[in-house]
N, C-alpha and C. Protein backbone atom coordinates (compact mmCIF):
# COMPACT_ATOMS: atom_id res chain seq x y z
N GLN A 1 0.58 -1.05 -0.17
CA GLN A 1 0.21 -0.29 0.19
C GLN A 1 0.72 1.22 0.02
N VAL A 2 0.53 2.12 -0.50
CA VAL A 2 1.15 3.63 -0.63
C VAL A 2 1.11 3.95 0.89
N GLN A 3 2.40 4.24 1.08
CA GLN A 3 2.78 5.05 2.48
C GLN A 3 3.84 6.11 2.41
N LEU A 4 3.54 7.35 2.97
CA LEU A 4 4.39 8.55 2.92
C LEU A 4 4.67 8.60 4.43
N VAL A 5 5.94 8.91 4.57
CA VAL A 5 6.49 9.43 5.92
C VAL A 5 7.24 10.74 5.87
N GLU A 6 6.72 11.64 6.52
CA GLU A 6 7.38 13.02 6.39
C GLU A 6 8.50 13.15 7.50
N SER A 7 9.74 13.71 7.82
CA SER A 7 10.37 14.00 8.89
C SER A 7 11.17 15.25 8.59
N GLY A 8 11.51 15.65 9.77
CA GLY A 8 12.49 16.91 9.79
C GLY A 8 11.81 18.07 10.45
N GLY A 9 10.59 18.31 10.71
CA GLY A 9 10.03 19.47 11.35
C GLY A 9 10.74 19.73 12.34
N GLY A 10 10.42 20.77 13.20
CA GLY A 10 10.65 21.22 14.54
C GLY A 10 10.51 22.65 14.85
N LEU A 11 11.07 23.06 16.16
CA LEU A 11 11.14 24.29 16.22
C LEU A 11 12.51 25.39 15.83
N VAL A 12 12.05 26.45 15.39
CA VAL A 12 12.94 27.12 14.40
C VAL A 12 12.88 28.68 14.68
N GLU A 13 13.76 29.27 14.97
CA GLU A 13 13.67 31.09 15.04
C GLU A 13 13.13 31.37 13.85
N PRO A 14 12.43 32.65 13.71
CA PRO A 14 12.57 33.46 12.74
C PRO A 14 13.97 33.67 11.77
N GLY A 15 13.87 33.39 10.52
CA GLY A 15 15.00 33.39 9.61
C GLY A 15 15.61 32.86 9.41
N GLY A 16 15.35 31.51 10.42
CA GLY A 16 16.34 30.07 10.03
C GLY A 16 15.80 29.09 8.90
N SER A 17 16.10 27.89 9.21
CA SER A 17 16.16 27.09 8.08
C SER A 17 15.88 25.78 8.22
N LEU A 18 14.97 25.27 7.66
CA LEU A 18 14.75 23.33 8.16
C LEU A 18 14.63 22.73 6.75
N ARG A 19 15.17 21.39 6.75
CA ARG A 19 14.70 20.58 5.39
C ARG A 19 13.89 19.88 5.60
N LEU A 20 12.57 19.58 5.25
CA LEU A 20 11.48 18.45 5.47
C LEU A 20 12.15 17.36 4.37
N SER A 21 11.85 16.06 4.73
CA SER A 21 12.15 14.77 3.84
C SER A 21 10.50 14.00 3.83
N CYS A 22 10.15 13.54 2.91
CA CYS A 22 9.09 12.62 2.70
C CYS A 22 9.62 11.22 2.12
N ALA A 23 9.75 10.11 2.38
CA ALA A 23 9.94 9.00 2.11
C ALA A 23 8.86 8.13 1.74
N GLY A 24 8.72 7.60 0.06
CA GLY A 24 7.29 7.28 -0.58
C GLY A 24 7.60 5.60 -0.23
N SER A 25 6.74 4.64 -0.28
CA SER A 25 6.62 3.39 -0.62
C SER A 25 5.81 3.01 -1.03
N GLY A 26 5.27 1.25 -1.57
CA GLY A 26 4.51 1.27 -1.79
C GLY A 26 3.79 1.64 -3.33
N PHE A 27 4.76 2.29 -4.00
CA PHE A 27 4.51 2.89 -5.58
C PHE A 27 5.57 3.04 -5.90
N THR A 28 5.65 3.21 -7.30
CA THR A 28 6.68 3.27 -8.11
C THR A 28 6.76 5.02 -8.01
N PHE A 29 7.58 5.47 -7.06
CA PHE A 29 7.65 6.47 -6.55
C PHE A 29 8.59 7.57 -8.01
N ARG A 30 9.12 7.03 -8.73
CA ARG A 30 9.70 8.04 -10.01
C ARG A 30 8.66 8.49 -11.33
N TYR A 31 7.28 7.58 -10.98
CA TYR A 31 6.29 7.85 -11.94
C TYR A 31 5.41 9.01 -11.54
N TYR A 32 5.94 9.71 -10.29
CA TYR A 32 4.41 10.50 -9.78
C TYR A 32 4.95 12.00 -9.76
N VAL A 33 4.08 12.88 -9.67
CA VAL A 33 4.18 14.25 -9.46
C VAL A 33 4.06 14.21 -7.65
N MET A 34 4.64 14.88 -6.87
CA MET A 34 4.94 14.91 -5.77
C MET A 34 4.65 16.35 -5.05
N LYS A 35 3.66 16.85 -4.20
CA LYS A 35 3.64 17.89 -3.64
C LYS A 35 3.62 17.79 -2.35
N TRP A 36 4.07 19.03 -1.63
CA TRP A 36 3.94 19.59 -0.03
C TRP A 36 2.92 20.32 0.17
N TYR A 37 2.05 20.31 1.12
CA TYR A 37 0.99 21.14 1.59
C TYR A 37 1.34 21.54 3.08
N ARG A 38 0.52 21.97 3.37
CA ARG A 38 0.78 22.99 4.99
C ARG A 38 -0.52 23.21 5.53
N GLN A 39 -0.58 23.11 6.74
CA GLN A 39 -2.16 23.37 7.48
C GLN A 39 -1.84 23.70 8.60
N ALA A 40 -2.57 25.36 9.07
CA ALA A 40 -1.88 25.85 10.18
C ALA A 40 -3.43 25.62 10.72
N PRO A 41 -2.98 26.19 12.10
CA PRO A 41 -4.19 26.00 12.73
C PRO A 41 -5.65 27.10 12.61
N GLY A 42 -6.65 26.11 12.19
CA GLY A 42 -7.75 27.19 11.82
C GLY A 42 -7.84 27.43 10.64
N LYS A 43 -6.85 26.90 9.84
CA LYS A 43 -6.92 27.62 8.31
C LYS A 43 -7.02 26.15 7.53
N GLU A 44 -7.50 26.31 6.24
CA GLU A 44 -7.45 24.96 5.31
C GLU A 44 -5.96 24.72 4.70
N ARG A 45 -5.82 23.46 4.58
CA ARG A 45 -4.55 22.96 3.93
C ARG A 45 -4.40 23.72 2.81
N GLU A 46 -3.30 24.08 2.60
CA GLU A 46 -2.86 24.90 1.24
C GLU A 46 -1.50 24.27 0.45
N MET A 47 -1.21 23.90 -0.63
CA MET A 47 -0.51 23.39 -1.30
C MET A 47 0.66 24.59 -1.34
N VAL A 48 1.83 23.92 -1.00
CA VAL A 48 3.13 24.82 -0.89
C VAL A 48 4.16 24.95 -2.20
N ALA A 49 4.65 23.27 -2.62
CA ALA A 49 5.15 23.39 -3.67
C ALA A 49 4.80 22.06 -4.46
N GLY A 50 5.15 21.71 -5.60
CA GLY A 50 4.93 20.53 -5.98
C GLY A 50 6.38 20.63 -7.09
N VAL A 51 6.56 19.14 -7.73
CA VAL A 51 7.48 19.06 -8.37
C VAL A 51 7.28 17.39 -9.47
N THR A 52 7.45 17.39 -10.68
CA THR A 52 7.27 16.84 -11.67
C THR A 52 8.12 15.40 -11.24
N SER A 53 7.65 14.31 -11.78
CA SER A 53 8.34 12.90 -11.53
C SER A 53 9.54 13.10 -11.77
N ALA A 54 10.07 13.76 -12.98
CA ALA A 54 11.47 13.66 -13.43
C ALA A 54 12.43 14.79 -12.62
N GLY A 55 11.94 15.64 -11.92
CA GLY A 55 12.25 16.61 -11.04
C GLY A 55 12.41 17.76 -11.99
N ASP A 56 12.17 17.63 -13.25
CA ASP A 56 12.68 19.05 -13.91
C ASP A 56 11.84 20.09 -14.08
N SER A 57 10.52 20.17 -13.44
CA SER A 57 9.92 21.61 -13.08
C SER A 57 9.20 21.37 -11.66
N THR A 58 9.11 22.59 -11.34
CA THR A 58 9.00 22.65 -10.30
C THR A 58 7.79 24.07 -10.15
N ASN A 59 6.93 23.89 -9.11
CA ASN A 59 5.96 25.51 -8.90
C ASN A 59 5.62 25.59 -7.26
N TYR A 60 5.13 26.72 -6.88
CA TYR A 60 5.52 27.30 -5.29
C TYR A 60 4.16 28.24 -5.33
N ALA A 61 3.67 28.06 -4.43
CA ALA A 61 2.53 28.92 -3.77
C ALA A 61 3.46 30.25 -3.98
N ASP A 62 2.66 31.68 -4.10
CA ASP A 62 3.14 32.84 -3.96
C ASP A 62 4.03 32.96 -2.42
N SER A 63 3.30 32.71 -1.76
CA SER A 63 3.41 33.22 -0.32
C SER A 63 5.28 32.42 0.46
N VAL A 64 5.36 31.36 -0.70
CA VAL A 64 7.21 30.62 -0.35
C VAL A 64 7.96 30.91 -1.43
N LYS A 65 7.59 31.61 -2.39
CA LYS A 65 8.43 31.73 -3.53
C LYS A 65 9.74 32.44 -3.52
N GLY A 66 11.16 31.88 -3.97
CA GLY A 66 11.98 32.35 -3.34
C GLY A 66 12.65 32.02 -1.81
N ARG A 67 11.82 31.50 -1.50
CA ARG A 67 12.47 31.06 0.23
C ARG A 67 12.49 29.28 0.20
N PHE A 68 11.32 28.60 -0.30
CA PHE A 68 11.04 27.39 -0.43
C PHE A 68 11.66 26.71 -1.63
N THR A 69 12.46 25.66 -1.34
CA THR A 69 12.92 24.92 -2.81
C THR A 69 12.28 23.28 -2.50
N ILE A 70 11.91 22.84 -3.14
CA ILE A 70 11.23 21.43 -3.66
C ILE A 70 12.45 20.82 -4.32
N SER A 71 12.86 19.54 -4.08
CA SER A 71 13.67 18.57 -4.90
C SER A 71 12.98 17.10 -4.52
N ARG A 72 13.90 16.37 -5.54
CA ARG A 72 13.30 14.81 -5.16
C ARG A 72 14.54 14.37 -5.59
N ASP A 73 14.54 12.89 -5.08
CA ASP A 73 15.70 12.11 -5.21
C ASP A 73 15.31 10.73 -5.44
N ASN A 74 15.02 10.52 -7.08
CA ASN A 74 13.95 9.06 -7.20
C ASN A 74 14.63 7.68 -6.85
N ALA A 75 16.05 7.80 -6.64
CA ALA A 75 16.81 6.69 -6.23
C ALA A 75 16.56 6.21 -4.85
N LYS A 76 16.25 7.41 -3.96
CA LYS A 76 16.09 7.65 -2.49
C LYS A 76 14.39 7.39 -2.32
N ASN A 77 13.57 7.63 -3.60
CA ASN A 77 12.18 7.51 -3.14
C ASN A 77 11.72 8.83 -2.20
N THR A 78 12.48 9.78 -2.20
CA THR A 78 12.21 10.98 -1.43
C THR A 78 12.28 12.11 -2.01
N VAL A 79 11.07 12.82 -1.23
CA VAL A 79 11.15 14.33 -2.06
C VAL A 79 11.38 15.67 -0.97
N TYR A 80 11.89 16.40 -0.90
CA TYR A 80 12.75 17.36 -0.12
C TYR A 80 11.89 18.53 0.00
N LEU A 81 11.78 19.42 0.98
CA LEU A 81 11.33 20.80 0.88
C LEU A 81 12.31 21.50 1.78
N ARG A 82 13.14 22.35 0.76
CA ARG A 82 13.97 23.06 1.77
C ARG A 82 13.37 24.57 2.11
N MET A 83 13.28 24.95 3.20
CA MET A 83 12.78 26.04 3.60
C MET A 83 13.70 27.06 4.28
N ASN A 84 13.86 28.58 3.84
CA ASN A 84 14.56 29.26 4.14
C ASN A 84 13.79 30.50 4.70
N SER A 85 14.53 31.53 5.38
CA SER A 85 14.08 32.57 5.69
C SER A 85 12.46 32.71 6.47
N LEU A 86 12.58 31.33 7.25
CA LEU A 86 11.28 30.96 7.89
C LEU A 86 10.62 32.45 8.37
N ASN A 87 9.43 32.32 8.72
CA ASN A 87 8.79 33.14 9.47
C ASN A 87 7.33 33.02 10.22
N PRO A 88 7.03 33.73 11.52
CA PRO A 88 5.95 32.57 12.17
C PRO A 88 4.92 32.56 11.02
N ALA A 89 4.59 33.00 9.89
CA ALA A 89 3.14 32.79 9.32
C ALA A 89 3.75 31.36 8.37
N ASP A 90 4.43 30.77 8.41
CA ASP A 90 5.15 29.39 8.44
C ASP A 90 4.69 28.46 9.20
N THR A 91 4.52 28.27 10.34
CA THR A 91 3.89 27.53 11.25
C THR A 91 2.93 26.78 10.67
N ALA A 92 3.07 25.65 10.84
CA ALA A 92 2.12 24.61 10.25
C ALA A 92 2.36 23.04 10.07
N VAL A 93 1.60 22.17 9.98
CA VAL A 93 1.73 21.08 10.02
C VAL A 93 1.95 20.99 8.35
N TYR A 94 3.19 20.24 8.25
CA TYR A 94 3.40 19.92 6.46
C TYR A 94 3.45 18.76 6.53
N TYR A 95 2.66 18.40 5.06
CA TYR A 95 2.42 16.93 4.42
C TYR A 95 2.91 16.92 3.16
N CYS A 96 3.24 15.79 3.11
CA CYS A 96 3.16 15.09 1.43
C CYS A 96 2.16 14.61 0.80
N LYS A 97 2.09 14.64 -0.71
CA LYS A 97 1.01 14.23 -0.84
C LYS A 97 1.54 13.41 -2.29
N VAL A 98 0.84 12.45 -2.67
CA VAL A 98 0.83 11.70 -4.10
C VAL A 98 -0.55 11.31 -4.65
N ARG A 99 -0.93 11.56 -6.04
CA ARG A 99 -2.08 11.18 -6.06
C ARG A 99 -2.00 9.94 -7.21
N GLN A 100 -2.59 8.74 -7.03
CA GLN A 100 -2.32 7.83 -7.76
C GLN A 100 -3.87 7.32 -8.15
N TRP A 101 -4.06 6.99 -9.57
CA TRP A 101 -5.35 6.58 -10.08
C TRP A 101 -6.49 7.56 -9.64
N GLY A 102 -6.23 8.67 -9.17
CA GLY A 102 -7.29 9.61 -8.80
C GLY A 102 -7.79 9.57 -7.33
N SER A 103 -6.94 8.95 -6.70
CA SER A 103 -7.01 9.14 -5.20
C SER A 103 -5.53 9.99 -4.66
N ASP A 104 -5.95 10.49 -3.54
CA ASP A 104 -5.08 11.15 -2.99
C ASP A 104 -4.47 10.27 -1.42
N TYR A 105 -3.16 10.49 -1.57
CA TYR A 105 -2.51 9.43 -0.32
C TYR A 105 -1.72 11.00 0.47
N TRP A 106 -1.59 10.67 1.67
CA TRP A 106 -1.06 11.91 2.48
C TRP A 106 -0.34 10.98 3.52
N GLY A 107 1.01 11.80 3.97
CA GLY A 107 1.83 11.33 5.16
C GLY A 107 1.07 12.02 6.34
N GLN A 108 1.64 11.35 7.49
CA GLN A 108 0.77 11.63 8.96
C GLN A 108 1.41 13.22 9.27
N GLY A 109 2.39 13.50 8.47
CA GLY A 109 2.39 15.26 8.49
C GLY A 109 4.04 15.41 9.60
N THR A 110 4.31 16.57 9.40
CA THR A 110 5.49 16.92 10.44
C THR A 110 5.24 18.16 10.81
N GLN A 111 5.47 18.58 12.09
CA GLN A 111 5.33 19.68 12.94
C GLN A 111 6.34 20.80 12.49
N VAL A 112 5.70 22.27 11.75
CA VAL A 112 7.20 23.40 11.99
C VAL A 112 6.60 24.22 12.69
N THR A 113 7.35 24.92 13.59
CA THR A 113 6.92 26.10 14.62
C THR A 113 8.04 27.20 14.55
N VAL A 114 7.40 28.00 13.75
CA VAL A 114 8.44 29.44 13.59
C VAL A 114 8.39 30.20 14.73
N SER A 115 9.35 30.03 15.94
CA SER A 115 9.02 31.33 16.85
C SER A 115 10.48 31.88 17.61
N SER A 116 10.43 32.66 18.22
CA SER A 116 11.71 33.35 18.96
C SER A 116 11.33 33.11 20.53
């Protein structure tokens, strides 16, 4: 079965950086677009970044452009989200997602808290 496991979250001060990882299993990772989403308390889940199956094209939410970078290593079945210049508005649970045959599969999420 499809499984996604996120890691790398934590508490960071404003202006700091984190790198999130999402390891996929149970599907042929290199065939699929991968996306990162986040959900802050009291807000809807929003798409943060996406990367094509080959890793040759990416897209970002306007709120993170220039600060976040999505990448993938198909040999390791892993997608990453490098987050720089973090600010308190980036505080959220971050999830990775894959869509397979019209169904969305999510990881359990990893908490990112930006606070001094």
